[in-house]
N, C-alpha and C. Protein backbone atom coordinates (compact mmCIF):
# COMPACT_ATOMS: atom_id res chain seq x y z
N MET A 1 -38.82 66.56 -59.23
CA MET A 1 -38.67 65.31 -59.98
C MET A 1 -37.24 64.81 -59.84
N PRO A 2 -37.05 63.52 -59.54
CA PRO A 2 -35.69 62.98 -59.44
C PRO A 2 -34.92 63.19 -60.74
N LEU A 3 -33.60 63.28 -60.60
CA LEU A 3 -32.74 63.58 -61.73
C LEU A 3 -32.93 62.59 -62.87
N GLY A 4 -32.93 61.29 -62.56
CA GLY A 4 -33.07 60.29 -63.61
C GLY A 4 -34.36 60.42 -64.38
N LEU A 5 -35.47 60.63 -63.67
CA LEU A 5 -36.76 60.78 -64.35
C LEU A 5 -36.82 62.07 -65.17
N MET A 6 -36.16 63.10 -64.71
CA MET A 6 -36.13 64.34 -65.47
C MET A 6 -35.38 64.15 -66.79
N LEU A 7 -34.27 63.42 -66.74
CA LEU A 7 -33.51 63.14 -67.96
C LEU A 7 -34.32 62.30 -68.93
N ILE A 8 -35.09 61.35 -68.39
CA ILE A 8 -35.95 60.53 -69.24
C ILE A 8 -37.05 61.37 -69.88
N SER A 9 -37.65 62.27 -69.09
CA SER A 9 -38.75 63.11 -69.61
C SER A 9 -38.27 64.04 -70.71
N ARG A 10 -37.00 64.39 -70.68
CA ARG A 10 -36.43 65.24 -71.73
C ARG A 10 -35.96 64.46 -72.94
N GLY A 11 -36.09 63.15 -72.88
CA GLY A 11 -35.64 62.32 -73.98
C GLY A 11 -34.14 62.15 -74.05
N LEU A 12 -33.46 62.37 -72.93
CA LEU A 12 -32.01 62.28 -72.91
C LEU A 12 -31.50 60.95 -72.39
N LEU A 13 -32.41 60.17 -71.83
CA LEU A 13 -32.02 58.93 -71.18
C LEU A 13 -33.15 57.92 -71.31
N THR A 14 -32.81 56.64 -71.43
CA THR A 14 -33.83 55.60 -71.47
C THR A 14 -33.98 54.97 -70.09
N SER A 15 -35.13 54.35 -69.87
CA SER A 15 -35.38 53.70 -68.59
C SER A 15 -34.38 52.57 -68.34
N GLN A 16 -34.01 51.87 -69.42
CA GLN A 16 -33.07 50.77 -69.28
C GLN A 16 -31.71 51.25 -68.79
N LYS A 17 -31.23 52.36 -69.38
CA LYS A 17 -29.93 52.88 -68.97
C LYS A 17 -29.97 53.42 -67.54
N LEU A 18 -31.10 54.00 -67.16
CA LEU A 18 -31.23 54.47 -65.78
C LEU A 18 -31.17 53.30 -64.81
N ARG A 19 -31.84 52.19 -65.16
CA ARG A 19 -31.81 51.01 -64.30
C ARG A 19 -30.38 50.46 -64.18
N GLU A 20 -29.64 50.48 -65.29
CA GLU A 20 -28.24 50.02 -65.26
C GLU A 20 -27.42 50.87 -64.30
N ALA A 21 -27.63 52.19 -64.36
CA ALA A 21 -26.87 53.10 -63.48
C ALA A 21 -27.27 52.88 -62.02
N ILE A 22 -28.55 52.66 -61.75
CA ILE A 22 -29.02 52.43 -60.38
C ILE A 22 -28.46 51.13 -59.84
N ASP A 23 -28.41 50.08 -60.68
CA ASP A 23 -27.83 48.80 -60.26
C ASP A 23 -26.35 48.99 -59.91
N GLY A 24 -25.65 49.78 -60.73
CA GLY A 24 -24.24 50.05 -60.45
C GLY A 24 -24.06 50.84 -59.17
N GLN A 25 -25.00 51.75 -58.90
CA GLN A 25 -24.97 52.55 -57.68
C GLN A 25 -25.14 51.66 -56.45
N LYS A 26 -26.01 50.65 -56.55
CA LYS A 26 -26.24 49.74 -55.43
C LYS A 26 -24.99 48.92 -55.12
N GLU A 27 -24.22 48.61 -56.16
CA GLU A 27 -23.03 47.78 -55.98
C GLU A 27 -21.83 48.57 -55.47
N SER A 28 -21.61 49.75 -56.09
CA SER A 28 -20.38 50.49 -55.79
C SER A 28 -20.60 51.86 -55.16
N GLY A 29 -21.87 52.28 -55.01
CA GLY A 29 -22.15 53.60 -54.46
C GLY A 29 -21.93 54.69 -55.50
N GLY A 30 -21.89 55.92 -55.05
CA GLY A 30 -21.70 57.05 -55.95
C GLY A 30 -22.98 57.80 -56.21
N GLU A 31 -22.83 58.99 -56.75
CA GLU A 31 -23.98 59.86 -57.05
C GLU A 31 -24.50 59.50 -58.44
N ILE A 32 -25.83 59.44 -58.59
CA ILE A 32 -26.44 58.91 -59.81
C ILE A 32 -26.06 59.73 -61.04
N GLY A 33 -26.03 61.04 -60.92
CA GLY A 33 -25.66 61.87 -62.07
C GLY A 33 -24.24 61.60 -62.53
N GLU A 34 -23.33 61.47 -61.56
CA GLU A 34 -21.93 61.18 -61.89
C GLU A 34 -21.81 59.82 -62.58
N LEU A 35 -22.58 58.83 -62.11
CA LEU A 35 -22.53 57.49 -62.72
C LEU A 35 -23.07 57.51 -64.14
N LEU A 36 -24.13 58.26 -64.38
CA LEU A 36 -24.70 58.35 -65.73
C LEU A 36 -23.71 58.96 -66.71
N VAL A 37 -22.99 59.98 -66.25
CA VAL A 37 -21.97 60.61 -67.10
C VAL A 37 -20.80 59.66 -67.32
N ARG A 38 -20.38 58.97 -66.26
CA ARG A 38 -19.24 58.07 -66.35
C ARG A 38 -19.50 56.94 -67.34
N HIS A 39 -20.76 56.46 -67.38
CA HIS A 39 -21.10 55.39 -68.32
C HIS A 39 -21.36 55.91 -69.73
N GLY A 40 -21.35 57.23 -69.90
CA GLY A 40 -21.57 57.79 -71.21
C GLY A 40 -23.02 57.85 -71.64
N PHE A 41 -23.94 57.69 -70.68
CA PHE A 41 -25.36 57.71 -71.00
C PHE A 41 -25.87 59.12 -71.29
N VAL A 42 -25.31 60.11 -70.59
CA VAL A 42 -25.65 61.52 -70.80
C VAL A 42 -24.38 62.34 -70.63
N SER A 43 -24.43 63.61 -71.01
CA SER A 43 -23.27 64.49 -70.84
C SER A 43 -23.38 65.23 -69.51
N GLU A 44 -22.24 65.73 -69.05
CA GLU A 44 -22.27 66.48 -67.79
C GLU A 44 -23.06 67.77 -67.93
N LYS A 45 -23.08 68.36 -69.13
CA LYS A 45 -23.88 69.56 -69.35
C LYS A 45 -25.36 69.26 -69.21
N GLN A 46 -25.80 68.10 -69.69
CA GLN A 46 -27.21 67.73 -69.58
C GLN A 46 -27.59 67.50 -68.12
N VAL A 47 -26.72 66.84 -67.37
CA VAL A 47 -26.98 66.61 -65.95
C VAL A 47 -27.03 67.93 -65.19
N THR A 48 -26.09 68.82 -65.48
CA THR A 48 -26.04 70.11 -64.79
C THR A 48 -27.28 70.94 -65.11
N ALA A 49 -27.73 70.92 -66.35
CA ALA A 49 -28.93 71.67 -66.74
C ALA A 49 -30.16 71.16 -65.98
N CYS A 50 -30.26 69.84 -65.81
CA CYS A 50 -31.40 69.29 -65.08
C CYS A 50 -31.33 69.63 -63.60
N ARG A 51 -30.13 69.58 -63.03
CA ARG A 51 -30.00 69.95 -61.62
C ARG A 51 -30.39 71.41 -61.41
N ALA A 52 -29.96 72.26 -62.32
CA ALA A 52 -30.30 73.68 -62.21
C ALA A 52 -31.80 73.88 -62.28
N GLU A 53 -32.46 73.11 -63.13
CA GLU A 53 -33.92 73.22 -63.23
C GLU A 53 -34.59 72.73 -61.96
N GLN A 54 -34.05 71.67 -61.37
CA GLN A 54 -34.60 71.16 -60.11
C GLN A 54 -34.60 72.23 -59.03
N TRP A 55 -33.53 73.01 -58.98
CA TRP A 55 -33.36 74.02 -57.93
C TRP A 55 -33.84 75.40 -58.36
N GLY A 56 -34.25 75.54 -59.62
CA GLY A 56 -34.71 76.85 -60.11
C GLY A 56 -33.61 77.87 -60.19
N CYS A 57 -32.40 77.43 -60.59
CA CYS A 57 -31.24 78.31 -60.68
C CYS A 57 -30.64 78.27 -62.08
N PRO A 58 -29.87 79.30 -62.46
CA PRO A 58 -29.22 79.30 -63.77
C PRO A 58 -27.97 78.44 -63.78
N VAL A 59 -27.47 78.18 -64.99
CA VAL A 59 -26.20 77.49 -65.19
C VAL A 59 -25.16 78.52 -65.61
N PHE A 60 -23.99 78.46 -64.99
CA PHE A 60 -22.90 79.37 -65.33
C PHE A 60 -21.85 78.58 -66.09
N SER A 61 -21.46 79.07 -67.26
CA SER A 61 -20.48 78.39 -68.09
C SER A 61 -19.09 78.98 -67.85
N VAL A 62 -18.22 78.18 -67.24
CA VAL A 62 -16.85 78.61 -66.99
C VAL A 62 -16.03 78.53 -68.28
N GLN A 63 -16.36 77.55 -69.13
CA GLN A 63 -15.69 77.31 -70.41
C GLN A 63 -14.20 77.09 -70.21
N ASN A 64 -13.38 77.77 -71.01
CA ASN A 64 -11.94 77.49 -70.98
C ASN A 64 -11.14 78.46 -70.13
N HIS A 65 -11.80 79.38 -69.46
CA HIS A 65 -11.07 80.29 -68.59
C HIS A 65 -11.91 80.62 -67.37
N ALA A 66 -11.26 80.80 -66.27
CA ALA A 66 -11.94 81.11 -65.03
C ALA A 66 -11.78 82.59 -64.72
N ILE A 67 -12.61 83.06 -63.80
CA ILE A 67 -12.60 84.47 -63.42
C ILE A 67 -12.11 84.60 -61.99
N GLU A 68 -11.20 85.52 -61.78
CA GLU A 68 -10.71 85.77 -60.43
C GLU A 68 -11.72 86.64 -59.69
N THR A 69 -12.26 86.12 -58.58
CA THR A 69 -13.30 86.84 -57.86
C THR A 69 -12.76 87.74 -56.76
N GLY A 70 -11.60 87.40 -56.21
CA GLY A 70 -11.08 88.14 -55.07
C GLY A 70 -11.72 87.72 -53.76
N ILE A 71 -12.64 86.74 -53.83
CA ILE A 71 -13.32 86.24 -52.63
C ILE A 71 -12.79 84.84 -52.34
N GLN A 72 -12.27 84.63 -51.15
CA GLN A 72 -11.72 83.34 -50.77
C GLN A 72 -12.57 82.69 -49.68
N ILE A 73 -12.86 81.40 -49.88
CA ILE A 73 -13.50 80.62 -48.82
C ILE A 73 -12.63 79.38 -48.58
N PRO A 74 -12.69 78.79 -47.40
CA PRO A 74 -11.81 77.66 -47.08
C PRO A 74 -11.95 76.51 -48.07
N SER A 75 -10.81 75.95 -48.46
CA SER A 75 -10.83 74.85 -49.42
C SER A 75 -11.59 73.64 -48.88
N THR A 76 -11.58 73.47 -47.55
CA THR A 76 -12.35 72.36 -46.95
C THR A 76 -13.82 72.47 -47.30
N LEU A 77 -14.38 73.67 -47.23
CA LEU A 77 -15.80 73.86 -47.54
C LEU A 77 -16.04 73.77 -49.04
N ILE A 78 -15.09 74.22 -49.84
CA ILE A 78 -15.21 74.11 -51.29
C ILE A 78 -15.36 72.64 -51.69
N HIS A 79 -14.49 71.78 -51.15
CA HIS A 79 -14.53 70.36 -51.50
C HIS A 79 -15.73 69.66 -50.86
N LEU A 80 -16.09 70.04 -49.65
CA LEU A 80 -17.19 69.38 -48.96
C LEU A 80 -18.52 69.59 -49.69
N PHE A 81 -18.76 70.81 -50.15
CA PHE A 81 -20.05 71.13 -50.78
C PHE A 81 -19.96 71.24 -52.30
N SER A 82 -18.78 70.98 -52.88
CA SER A 82 -18.59 71.15 -54.33
C SER A 82 -19.16 72.50 -54.76
N ALA A 83 -18.69 73.55 -54.08
CA ALA A 83 -19.19 74.91 -54.31
C ALA A 83 -18.01 75.86 -54.40
N ILE A 84 -18.09 76.85 -55.30
CA ILE A 84 -16.94 77.71 -55.51
C ILE A 84 -17.38 79.09 -55.98
N PRO A 85 -16.73 80.16 -55.50
CA PRO A 85 -17.03 81.51 -56.00
C PRO A 85 -16.69 81.62 -57.48
N LEU A 86 -17.59 82.23 -58.26
CA LEU A 86 -17.40 82.31 -59.71
C LEU A 86 -17.23 83.72 -60.23
N HIS A 87 -18.05 84.63 -59.71
CA HIS A 87 -18.02 86.00 -60.23
C HIS A 87 -18.48 86.95 -59.14
N TYR A 88 -17.75 88.08 -59.01
CA TYR A 88 -18.10 89.08 -58.00
C TYR A 88 -18.29 90.43 -58.66
N GLY A 89 -19.44 91.04 -58.41
CA GLY A 89 -19.71 92.39 -58.91
C GLY A 89 -19.49 93.39 -57.79
N ALA A 90 -18.43 94.16 -57.89
CA ALA A 90 -18.09 95.10 -56.82
C ALA A 90 -19.16 96.17 -56.64
N ALA A 91 -19.77 96.60 -57.74
CA ALA A 91 -20.78 97.67 -57.67
C ALA A 91 -22.00 97.24 -56.88
N THR A 92 -22.40 95.98 -57.06
CA THR A 92 -23.60 95.47 -56.39
C THR A 92 -23.27 94.62 -55.17
N LYS A 93 -21.97 94.33 -54.97
CA LYS A 93 -21.52 93.45 -53.89
C LYS A 93 -22.23 92.10 -53.95
N ARG A 94 -22.42 91.61 -55.17
CA ARG A 94 -23.09 90.33 -55.37
C ARG A 94 -22.08 89.28 -55.82
N LEU A 95 -22.07 88.14 -55.13
CA LEU A 95 -21.15 87.05 -55.43
C LEU A 95 -21.93 85.86 -55.97
N LEU A 96 -21.54 85.42 -57.16
CA LEU A 96 -22.14 84.24 -57.76
C LEU A 96 -21.35 83.01 -57.28
N VAL A 97 -22.07 82.07 -56.68
CA VAL A 97 -21.45 80.85 -56.15
C VAL A 97 -21.97 79.65 -56.92
N GLY A 98 -21.06 78.88 -57.50
CA GLY A 98 -21.45 77.73 -58.31
C GLY A 98 -21.43 76.43 -57.53
N PHE A 99 -22.48 75.63 -57.71
CA PHE A 99 -22.59 74.31 -57.07
C PHE A 99 -22.63 73.24 -58.15
N VAL A 100 -22.14 72.06 -57.80
CA VAL A 100 -22.11 70.95 -58.75
C VAL A 100 -23.29 70.01 -58.56
N GLU A 101 -23.61 69.67 -57.31
CA GLU A 101 -24.64 68.67 -57.06
C GLU A 101 -25.92 69.23 -56.44
N GLY A 102 -25.80 70.15 -55.52
CA GLY A 102 -26.97 70.72 -54.87
C GLY A 102 -26.58 71.94 -54.07
N ILE A 103 -27.53 72.83 -53.82
CA ILE A 103 -27.24 74.09 -53.15
C ILE A 103 -27.21 73.89 -51.63
N GLU A 104 -26.18 74.41 -51.00
CA GLU A 104 -26.07 74.42 -49.54
C GLU A 104 -26.29 75.86 -49.07
N TYR A 105 -27.51 76.14 -48.61
CA TYR A 105 -27.85 77.51 -48.24
C TYR A 105 -27.10 77.97 -46.98
N GLY A 106 -26.76 77.03 -46.12
CA GLY A 106 -25.97 77.39 -44.94
C GLY A 106 -24.62 77.97 -45.32
N LEU A 107 -24.01 77.40 -46.36
CA LEU A 107 -22.73 77.92 -46.84
C LEU A 107 -22.90 79.32 -47.43
N LEU A 108 -23.95 79.53 -48.19
CA LEU A 108 -24.20 80.85 -48.78
C LEU A 108 -24.34 81.90 -47.68
N TYR A 109 -25.08 81.57 -46.63
CA TYR A 109 -25.28 82.52 -45.53
C TYR A 109 -23.97 82.79 -44.81
N ALA A 110 -23.17 81.72 -44.61
CA ALA A 110 -21.87 81.90 -43.94
C ALA A 110 -20.95 82.79 -44.76
N ILE A 111 -20.95 82.62 -46.07
CA ILE A 111 -20.12 83.47 -46.94
C ILE A 111 -20.57 84.93 -46.83
N GLU A 112 -21.87 85.15 -46.79
CA GLU A 112 -22.38 86.51 -46.63
C GLU A 112 -21.91 87.12 -45.31
N GLN A 113 -21.94 86.32 -44.24
CA GLN A 113 -21.47 86.82 -42.95
C GLN A 113 -19.99 87.20 -43.00
N MET A 114 -19.19 86.35 -43.64
CA MET A 114 -17.74 86.55 -43.65
C MET A 114 -17.30 87.68 -44.56
N THR A 115 -17.98 87.86 -45.68
CA THR A 115 -17.52 88.80 -46.70
C THR A 115 -18.34 90.08 -46.81
N GLY A 116 -19.57 90.06 -46.29
CA GLY A 116 -20.42 91.24 -46.42
C GLY A 116 -21.06 91.39 -47.78
N CYS A 117 -20.90 90.38 -48.65
CA CYS A 117 -21.52 90.46 -49.97
C CYS A 117 -22.82 89.64 -49.99
N LYS A 118 -23.60 89.83 -51.03
CA LYS A 118 -24.84 89.09 -51.21
C LYS A 118 -24.58 87.94 -52.17
N THR A 119 -24.87 86.72 -51.73
CA THR A 119 -24.60 85.56 -52.56
C THR A 119 -25.79 85.19 -53.43
N GLN A 120 -25.47 84.63 -54.58
CA GLN A 120 -26.50 84.13 -55.50
C GLN A 120 -26.03 82.77 -56.02
N PRO A 121 -26.85 81.71 -55.85
CA PRO A 121 -26.41 80.38 -56.28
C PRO A 121 -26.65 80.15 -57.77
N CYS A 122 -25.83 79.28 -58.34
CA CYS A 122 -26.02 78.81 -59.70
C CYS A 122 -25.39 77.42 -59.77
N PHE A 123 -25.39 76.82 -60.95
CA PHE A 123 -24.79 75.50 -61.12
C PHE A 123 -23.70 75.56 -62.17
N VAL A 124 -22.68 74.73 -61.96
CA VAL A 124 -21.59 74.58 -62.93
C VAL A 124 -21.37 73.09 -63.18
N THR A 125 -20.79 72.77 -64.32
CA THR A 125 -20.43 71.39 -64.60
C THR A 125 -19.23 70.99 -63.74
N PRO A 126 -19.03 69.70 -63.52
CA PRO A 126 -17.84 69.26 -62.78
C PRO A 126 -16.54 69.75 -63.40
N SER A 127 -16.46 69.76 -64.73
CA SER A 127 -15.23 70.24 -65.37
C SER A 127 -15.07 71.74 -65.17
N GLY A 128 -16.17 72.49 -65.20
CA GLY A 128 -16.10 73.92 -64.92
C GLY A 128 -15.66 74.19 -63.50
N PHE A 129 -16.12 73.37 -62.58
CA PHE A 129 -15.70 73.48 -61.18
C PHE A 129 -14.19 73.29 -61.06
N GLN A 130 -13.66 72.30 -61.77
CA GLN A 130 -12.22 72.03 -61.72
C GLN A 130 -11.41 73.19 -62.30
N ILE A 131 -11.91 73.78 -63.38
CA ILE A 131 -11.22 74.92 -63.99
C ILE A 131 -11.14 76.08 -63.00
N GLN A 132 -12.25 76.36 -62.32
CA GLN A 132 -12.27 77.45 -61.35
C GLN A 132 -11.39 77.12 -60.15
N MET A 133 -11.33 75.84 -59.77
CA MET A 133 -10.45 75.42 -58.67
C MET A 133 -8.99 75.72 -59.03
N GLN A 134 -8.62 75.43 -60.25
CA GLN A 134 -7.24 75.69 -60.68
C GLN A 134 -6.94 77.18 -60.65
N GLN A 135 -7.93 78.00 -61.03
CA GLN A 135 -7.75 79.45 -60.97
C GLN A 135 -7.53 79.90 -59.53
N ASN A 136 -8.31 79.36 -58.61
CA ASN A 136 -8.15 79.71 -57.20
C ASN A 136 -6.77 79.35 -56.68
N GLU A 137 -6.27 78.19 -57.08
CA GLU A 137 -4.94 77.76 -56.64
C GLU A 137 -3.86 78.70 -57.17
N LEU A 138 -4.03 79.17 -58.41
CA LEU A 138 -3.07 80.11 -58.98
C LEU A 138 -3.09 81.43 -58.22
N VAL A 139 -4.29 81.87 -57.82
CA VAL A 139 -4.41 83.11 -57.06
C VAL A 139 -3.70 82.98 -55.72
N VAL A 140 -3.88 81.84 -55.05
CA VAL A 140 -3.24 81.62 -53.75
C VAL A 140 -1.72 81.64 -53.91
N GLU A 141 -1.21 80.99 -54.95
CA GLU A 141 0.23 80.97 -55.19
C GLU A 141 0.78 82.36 -55.47
N ARG A 142 0.01 83.15 -56.24
CA ARG A 142 0.48 84.48 -56.63
C ARG A 142 0.38 85.49 -55.49
N CYS A 143 -0.70 85.40 -54.73
CA CYS A 143 -0.94 86.42 -53.69
C CYS A 143 -0.27 86.09 -52.37
N GLY A 144 -0.02 84.81 -52.13
CA GLY A 144 0.72 84.42 -50.93
C GLY A 144 0.06 84.87 -49.64
N ASP A 145 0.71 85.78 -48.93
CA ASP A 145 0.28 86.18 -47.58
C ASP A 145 -1.04 86.95 -47.56
N THR A 146 -1.51 87.44 -48.72
CA THR A 146 -2.75 88.21 -48.72
C THR A 146 -3.99 87.33 -48.79
N THR A 147 -3.83 86.02 -48.98
CA THR A 147 -4.97 85.11 -48.96
C THR A 147 -5.12 84.53 -47.56
N PRO A 148 -6.35 84.23 -47.14
CA PRO A 148 -6.56 83.73 -45.78
C PRO A 148 -5.83 82.41 -45.53
N THR A 149 -5.21 82.30 -44.36
CA THR A 149 -4.63 81.04 -43.92
C THR A 149 -5.74 80.18 -43.33
N GLU A 150 -5.76 78.90 -43.69
CA GLU A 150 -6.81 78.01 -43.21
C GLU A 150 -6.24 77.03 -42.19
N VAL A 151 -6.90 76.94 -41.03
CA VAL A 151 -6.47 76.02 -39.98
C VAL A 151 -7.67 75.17 -39.57
N MET A 152 -7.49 73.85 -39.59
CA MET A 152 -8.57 72.93 -39.28
C MET A 152 -8.39 72.31 -37.90
N PHE A 153 -9.50 72.21 -37.15
CA PHE A 153 -9.50 71.56 -35.84
C PHE A 153 -10.56 70.46 -35.86
N GLU A 154 -10.11 69.22 -35.83
CA GLU A 154 -11.04 68.09 -35.93
C GLU A 154 -11.45 67.53 -34.57
N CYS A 155 -10.63 67.73 -33.54
CA CYS A 155 -10.84 67.03 -32.27
C CYS A 155 -11.26 67.93 -31.12
N VAL A 156 -11.62 69.17 -31.41
CA VAL A 156 -12.08 70.06 -30.33
C VAL A 156 -13.48 69.63 -29.90
N GLN A 157 -13.66 69.44 -28.60
CA GLN A 157 -14.90 68.84 -28.11
C GLN A 157 -15.89 69.83 -27.50
N THR A 158 -15.41 70.90 -26.89
CA THR A 158 -16.31 71.77 -26.13
C THR A 158 -16.24 73.22 -26.63
N PRO A 159 -17.31 73.98 -26.39
CA PRO A 159 -17.29 75.40 -26.74
C PRO A 159 -16.16 76.15 -26.02
N GLU A 160 -15.84 75.71 -24.79
CA GLU A 160 -14.76 76.36 -24.04
C GLU A 160 -13.42 76.21 -24.76
N GLU A 161 -13.17 75.01 -25.31
CA GLU A 161 -11.93 74.78 -26.06
C GLU A 161 -11.88 75.65 -27.31
N MET A 162 -13.01 75.73 -28.02
CA MET A 162 -13.07 76.57 -29.21
C MET A 162 -12.79 78.02 -28.87
N ALA A 163 -13.41 78.50 -27.78
CA ALA A 163 -13.23 79.89 -27.37
C ALA A 163 -11.77 80.17 -27.02
N GLN A 164 -11.13 79.22 -26.35
CA GLN A 164 -9.73 79.40 -25.97
C GLN A 164 -8.83 79.48 -27.20
N ILE A 165 -9.08 78.60 -28.16
CA ILE A 165 -8.29 78.61 -29.40
C ILE A 165 -8.50 79.91 -30.16
N LEU A 166 -9.74 80.36 -30.24
CA LEU A 166 -10.04 81.62 -30.93
C LEU A 166 -9.31 82.78 -30.26
N CYS A 167 -9.34 82.81 -28.94
CA CYS A 167 -8.66 83.89 -28.21
C CYS A 167 -7.15 83.86 -28.46
N ASN A 168 -6.57 82.66 -28.42
CA ASN A 168 -5.12 82.54 -28.64
C ASN A 168 -4.72 83.02 -30.03
N TYR A 169 -5.47 82.58 -31.03
CA TYR A 169 -5.17 83.00 -32.39
C TYR A 169 -5.40 84.50 -32.57
N GLY A 170 -6.46 84.99 -31.94
CA GLY A 170 -6.75 86.42 -32.04
C GLY A 170 -5.64 87.28 -31.45
N ILE A 171 -5.10 86.84 -30.31
CA ILE A 171 -4.01 87.58 -29.65
C ILE A 171 -2.74 87.53 -30.50
N ASN A 172 -2.41 86.32 -30.99
CA ASN A 172 -1.19 86.17 -31.80
C ASN A 172 -1.26 86.96 -33.10
N LEU A 173 -2.44 87.01 -33.68
CA LEU A 173 -2.62 87.75 -34.93
C LEU A 173 -2.79 89.24 -34.68
N GLU A 174 -3.10 89.59 -33.43
CA GLU A 174 -3.49 90.96 -33.09
C GLU A 174 -4.71 91.37 -33.91
N ALA A 175 -5.67 90.46 -33.94
CA ALA A 175 -6.86 90.66 -34.76
C ALA A 175 -7.70 91.82 -34.25
N ASP A 176 -8.23 92.59 -35.19
CA ASP A 176 -9.14 93.68 -34.82
C ASP A 176 -10.59 93.35 -35.17
N GLU A 177 -10.80 92.15 -35.75
CA GLU A 177 -12.17 91.75 -36.08
C GLU A 177 -12.24 90.23 -36.11
N ALA A 178 -13.34 89.68 -35.59
CA ALA A 178 -13.59 88.23 -35.63
C ALA A 178 -15.02 88.00 -36.06
N ILE A 179 -15.20 87.18 -37.07
CA ILE A 179 -16.54 86.86 -37.58
C ILE A 179 -16.72 85.35 -37.49
N ILE A 180 -17.87 84.92 -36.98
CA ILE A 180 -18.11 83.49 -36.77
C ILE A 180 -19.42 83.10 -37.44
N GLY A 181 -19.39 81.99 -38.18
CA GLY A 181 -20.58 81.47 -38.84
C GLY A 181 -20.63 79.96 -38.72
N ARG A 182 -21.79 79.38 -39.01
CA ARG A 182 -21.97 77.92 -38.92
C ARG A 182 -22.42 77.39 -40.27
N CYS A 183 -21.83 76.28 -40.68
CA CYS A 183 -22.20 75.65 -41.94
C CYS A 183 -22.19 74.14 -41.73
N ARG A 184 -23.40 73.59 -41.58
CA ARG A 184 -23.55 72.17 -41.25
C ARG A 184 -22.71 71.81 -40.04
N GLU A 185 -21.78 70.83 -40.23
CA GLU A 185 -21.02 70.37 -39.07
C GLU A 185 -19.81 71.21 -38.75
N TYR A 186 -19.62 72.31 -39.47
CA TYR A 186 -18.43 73.14 -39.26
C TYR A 186 -18.79 74.51 -38.68
N LEU A 187 -17.98 74.92 -37.71
CA LEU A 187 -18.01 76.29 -37.23
C LEU A 187 -16.85 77.00 -37.92
N TRP A 188 -17.15 78.10 -38.62
CA TRP A 188 -16.14 78.82 -39.40
C TRP A 188 -15.92 80.18 -38.75
N ALA A 189 -14.68 80.43 -38.34
CA ALA A 189 -14.32 81.73 -37.76
C ALA A 189 -13.25 82.37 -38.63
N ARG A 190 -13.45 83.64 -38.97
CA ARG A 190 -12.46 84.40 -39.74
C ARG A 190 -11.93 85.54 -38.88
N LEU A 191 -10.63 85.53 -38.63
CA LEU A 191 -9.97 86.58 -37.86
C LEU A 191 -9.25 87.51 -38.82
N LYS A 192 -9.38 88.83 -38.59
CA LYS A 192 -8.81 89.81 -39.50
C LYS A 192 -7.91 90.79 -38.76
N CYS A 193 -6.79 91.10 -39.38
CA CYS A 193 -5.91 92.16 -38.90
C CYS A 193 -5.40 92.88 -40.13
N GLY A 194 -6.07 93.98 -40.48
CA GLY A 194 -5.74 94.67 -41.72
C GLY A 194 -6.00 93.75 -42.90
N PRO A 195 -5.04 93.61 -43.82
CA PRO A 195 -5.23 92.74 -44.97
C PRO A 195 -5.03 91.26 -44.66
N LYS A 196 -4.49 90.95 -43.48
CA LYS A 196 -4.20 89.57 -43.13
C LYS A 196 -5.43 88.90 -42.51
N GLU A 197 -5.72 87.67 -42.96
CA GLU A 197 -6.88 86.94 -42.46
C GLU A 197 -6.50 85.49 -42.16
N VAL A 198 -7.16 84.94 -41.15
CA VAL A 198 -6.99 83.53 -40.80
C VAL A 198 -8.37 82.90 -40.67
N ASP A 199 -8.60 81.78 -41.36
CA ASP A 199 -9.84 81.03 -41.25
C ASP A 199 -9.62 79.84 -40.33
N LEU A 200 -10.41 79.75 -39.27
CA LEU A 200 -10.37 78.61 -38.36
C LEU A 200 -11.63 77.79 -38.57
N LEU A 201 -11.48 76.51 -38.81
CA LEU A 201 -12.62 75.61 -39.01
C LEU A 201 -12.65 74.58 -37.89
N PHE A 202 -13.77 74.53 -37.18
CA PHE A 202 -13.96 73.55 -36.11
C PHE A 202 -15.06 72.59 -36.53
N ARG A 203 -14.77 71.31 -36.46
CA ARG A 203 -15.83 70.33 -36.69
C ARG A 203 -16.68 70.25 -35.43
N ALA A 204 -17.94 70.65 -35.53
CA ALA A 204 -18.83 70.69 -34.37
C ALA A 204 -19.54 69.35 -34.23
N TRP A 205 -19.23 68.63 -33.19
CA TRP A 205 -19.80 67.30 -33.00
C TRP A 205 -21.18 67.38 -32.38
């Protein structure tokens, strides 16, 4: 069921207000849930709860403090998919990944390839996402060299060019492990040398 109709069926939104939001979407664009919240028609918690029901996933409440997971993924992918690591259970090697608008299963699989953990999707509110983002930034500032370095390549055209870049970085880093995954239009490679890691992102045309 579309998000707007689900909110109406729950008695959280009227048809008139939904039409107003849709008219605004036609004029200025934007995601319908975000527009409904911006106009004050519903709360972000109500939108997040409906999205979670659409996907059959739980809602994770970040509240006023975030949790350090120890799992890092490239900030480019975090912003692209509005997805962020929320909680990691070392005993079970299970990583909870929060999404704001919709689940990207390709990203979940890529994270599993890179980290060796089992991912589980859930939903978070936009404000909860921002809180966790701030926590991640603090971790990067505190840990410095122990967090993966991210390098983006937007103009690489051929697999041969990608392979050459990977080899060059691997030699310079003296990498002893290379893991490669695909997530929509991005090829994600993680090179490892002991505790040091480098994430290379290639936009695959």
